[in-house]
Amino acid sequence: MEGIYFAERGSPEWDSMWAWLGRHPINQGIDEPTVAPDPEWGECWQYMGTEETWSDGRWFHCFRHRHHPVRQERVYLRCPASPPPSQEKEKT
């Protein structure tokens, strides 16, 4: 694995990362926290991929929102992630 992967839609990891996003304080009070639709621009949360930090080897799911309805600006969030499946197999 080369430092980035994409979680598989419908996998336990996928469900976990979106649940994390829905619980994040920035989305508190929003009817659809994992979407957070912006009424003016129509923007919503986007999953950008999962990347490894080079300093410590930890993995993070990366999300962005181009115009968050609460903050009224571009927002990036990183959710702690499990290593990609290929790396899990290499450890066993």
C-alpha atoms as a PDB file:
ATOM      1  CA  MET A   1       0.000   0.000   0.000  1.00  0.00           C
ATOM      2  CA  GLU A   2       1.367   3.406  -0.983  1.00  0.00           C
ATOM      3  CA  GLY A   3       0.098   5.689   1.774  1.00  0.00           C
ATOM      4  CA  ILE A   4      -3.504   6.107   0.519  1.00  0.00           C
ATOM      5  CA  TYR A   5      -6.505   3.875   0.034  1.00  0.00           C
ATOM      6  CA  PHE A   6     -10.278   4.164  -0.201  1.00  0.00           C
ATOM      7  CA  ALA A   7     -12.533   2.429   2.305  1.00  0.00           C
ATOM      8  CA  GLU A   8     -15.019   0.045   0.753  1.00  0.00           C
ATOM      9  CA  ARG A   9     -18.589   1.352   0.721  1.00  0.00           C
ATOM     10  CA  GLY A  10     -20.776  -0.732   3.028  1.00  0.00           C
ATOM     11  CA  SER A  11     -17.835  -2.190   4.986  1.00  0.00           C
ATOM     12  CA  PRO A  12     -17.658  -1.927   8.789  1.00  0.00           C
ATOM     13  CA  GLU A  13     -14.852   0.644   8.360  1.00  0.00           C
ATOM     14  CA  TRP A  14     -17.069   2.715   6.021  1.00  0.00           C
ATOM     15  CA  ASP A  15     -19.979   2.644   8.457  1.00  0.00           C
ATOM     16  CA  SER A  16     -17.708   3.515  11.374  1.00  0.00           C
ATOM     17  CA  MET A  17     -16.079   6.534   9.705  1.00  0.00           C
ATOM     18  CA  TRP A  18     -19.420   8.010   8.607  1.00  0.00           C
ATOM     19  CA  ALA A  19     -20.858   7.458  12.097  1.00  0.00           C
ATOM     20  CA  TRP A  20     -17.813   9.304  13.506  1.00  0.00           C
ATOM     21  CA  LEU A  21     -18.470  12.187  11.118  1.00  0.00           C
ATOM     22  CA  GLY A  22     -22.135  12.298  12.136  1.00  0.00           C
ATOM     23  CA  ARG A  23     -21.163  12.576  15.815  1.00  0.00           C
ATOM     24  CA  HIS A  24     -18.487  15.241  15.265  1.00  0.00           C
ATOM     25  CA  PRO A  25     -19.271  18.447  17.220  1.00  0.00           C
ATOM     26  CA  ILE A  26     -19.158  20.599  14.066  1.00  0.00           C
ATOM     27  CA  ASN A  27     -22.317  18.817  12.863  1.00  0.00           C
ATOM     28  CA  GLN A  28     -24.249  19.192  16.122  1.00  0.00           C
ATOM     29  CA  GLY A  29     -27.818  20.333  15.500  1.00  0.00           C
ATOM     30  CA  ILE A  30     -27.750  19.562  11.769  1.00  0.00           C
ATOM     31  CA  ASP A  31     -30.666  17.363  10.628  1.00  0.00           C
ATOM     32  CA  GLU A  32     -28.475  15.242   8.327  1.00  0.00           C
ATOM     33  CA  PRO A  33     -25.036  15.451   9.983  1.00  0.00           C
ATOM     34  CA  THR A  34     -23.289  13.092   7.552  1.00  0.00           C
ATOM     35  CA  VAL A  35     -24.514  15.206   4.654  1.00  0.00           C
ATOM     36  CA  ALA A  36     -24.671  18.694   6.204  1.00  0.00           C
ATOM     37  CA  PRO A  37     -26.202  20.188   3.061  1.00  0.00           C
ATOM     38  CA  ASP A  38     -25.461  23.847   2.533  1.00  0.00           C
ATOM     39  CA  PRO A  39     -28.702  25.533   1.437  1.00  0.00           C
ATOM     40  CA  GLU A  40     -26.972  28.293  -0.501  1.00  0.00           C
ATOM     41  CA  TRP A  41     -24.317  26.343  -2.399  1.00  0.00           C
ATOM     42  CA  GLY A  42     -25.639  22.774  -2.262  1.00  0.00           C
ATOM     43  CA  GLU A  43     -22.328  21.449  -0.955  1.00  0.00           C
ATOM     44  CA  CYS A  44     -22.133  18.433   1.366  1.00  0.00           C
ATOM     45  CA  TRP A  45     -19.532  16.237   3.066  1.00  0.00           C
ATOM     46  CA  GLN A  46     -17.157  14.410   0.718  1.00  0.00           C
ATOM     47  CA  TYR A  47     -14.920  11.458   1.552  1.00  0.00           C
ATOM     48  CA  MET A  48     -11.513  12.212   0.049  1.00  0.00           C
ATOM     49  CA  GLY A  49      -9.732   8.955   0.834  1.00  0.00           C
ATOM     50  CA  THR A  50      -7.741   7.413   3.647  1.00  0.00           C
ATOM     51  CA  GLU A  51      -4.114   8.338   4.110  1.00  0.00           C
ATOM     52  CA  GLU A  52      -1.156   7.399   6.226  1.00  0.00           C
ATOM     53  CA  THR A  53       0.764  10.010   8.156  1.00  0.00           C
ATOM     54  CA  TRP A  54       4.451   9.660   7.420  1.00  0.00           C
ATOM     55  CA  SER A  55       5.567  10.718  10.886  1.00  0.00           C
ATOM     56  CA  ASP A  56       3.968   7.883  12.846  1.00  0.00           C
ATOM     57  CA  GLY A  57       2.320   5.523  10.346  1.00  0.00           C
ATOM     58  CA  ARG A  58      -1.222   6.090  11.605  1.00  0.00           C
ATOM     59  CA  TRP A  59      -4.113   6.133   9.121  1.00  0.00           C
ATOM     60  CA  PHE A  60      -6.881   8.743   8.805  1.00  0.00           C
ATOM     61  CA  HIS A  61     -10.074   8.990   6.775  1.00  0.00           C
ATOM     62  CA  CYS A  62     -10.172  12.462   5.216  1.00  0.00           C
ATOM     63  CA  PHE A  63     -13.380  14.424   4.730  1.00  0.00           C
ATOM     64  CA  ARG A  64     -13.991  17.872   3.325  1.00  0.00           C
ATOM     65  CA  HIS A  65     -16.943  20.177   3.087  1.00  0.00           C
ATOM     66  CA  ARG A  66     -16.553  23.059   0.649  1.00  0.00           C
ATOM     67  CA  HIS A  67     -19.050  25.317   2.470  1.00  0.00           C
ATOM     68  CA  HIS A  68     -20.159  23.929   5.831  1.00  0.00           C
ATOM     69  CA  PRO A  69     -23.594  25.308   6.799  1.00  0.00           C
ATOM     70  CA  VAL A  70     -22.517  26.118  10.379  1.00  0.00           C
ATOM     71  CA  ARG A  71     -18.986  27.408   9.794  1.00  0.00           C
ATOM     72  CA  GLN A  72     -19.774  29.026   6.425  1.00  0.00           C
ATOM     73  CA  GLU A  73     -16.331  28.050   5.149  1.00  0.00           C
ATOM     74  CA  ARG A  74     -14.341  25.111   3.817  1.00  0.00           C
ATOM     75  CA  VAL A  75     -13.719  22.466   6.473  1.00  0.00           C
ATOM     76  CA  TYR A  76     -11.384  19.460   6.532  1.00  0.00           C
ATOM     77  CA  LEU A  77     -11.687  16.674   9.123  1.00  0.00           C
ATOM     78  CA  ARG A  78      -9.566  13.589   9.732  1.00  0.00           C
ATOM     79  CA  CYS A  79     -11.044  10.519  11.401  1.00  0.00           C
ATOM     80  CA  PRO A  80      -8.745   7.849  12.898  1.00  0.00           C
ATOM     81  CA  ALA A  81      -8.756   4.784  10.633  1.00  0.00           C
ATOM     82  CA  SER A  82      -7.758   1.152  10.698  1.00  0.00           C
ATOM     83  CA  PRO A  83      -4.814   0.227   8.477  1.00  0.00           C
ATOM     84  CA  PRO A  84      -5.791  -0.929   4.989  1.00  0.00           C
ATOM     85  CA  PRO A  85      -6.696  -4.630   4.722  1.00  0.00           C
ATOM     86  CA  SER A  86      -3.498  -5.481   2.828  1.00  0.00           C
ATOM     87  CA  GLN A  87      -1.385  -4.131   5.680  1.00  0.00           C
ATOM     88  CA  GLU A  88      -3.429  -6.020   8.279  1.00  0.00           C
ATOM     89  CA  LYS A  89      -2.679  -9.266   6.435  1.00  0.00           C
ATOM     90  CA  GLU A  90       1.061  -8.466   6.316  1.00  0.00           C
ATOM     91  CA  LYS A  91       1.182  -8.182  10.131  1.00  0.00           C
ATOM     92  CA  THR A  92      -0.209 -11.682  10.725  1.00  0.00           C
END
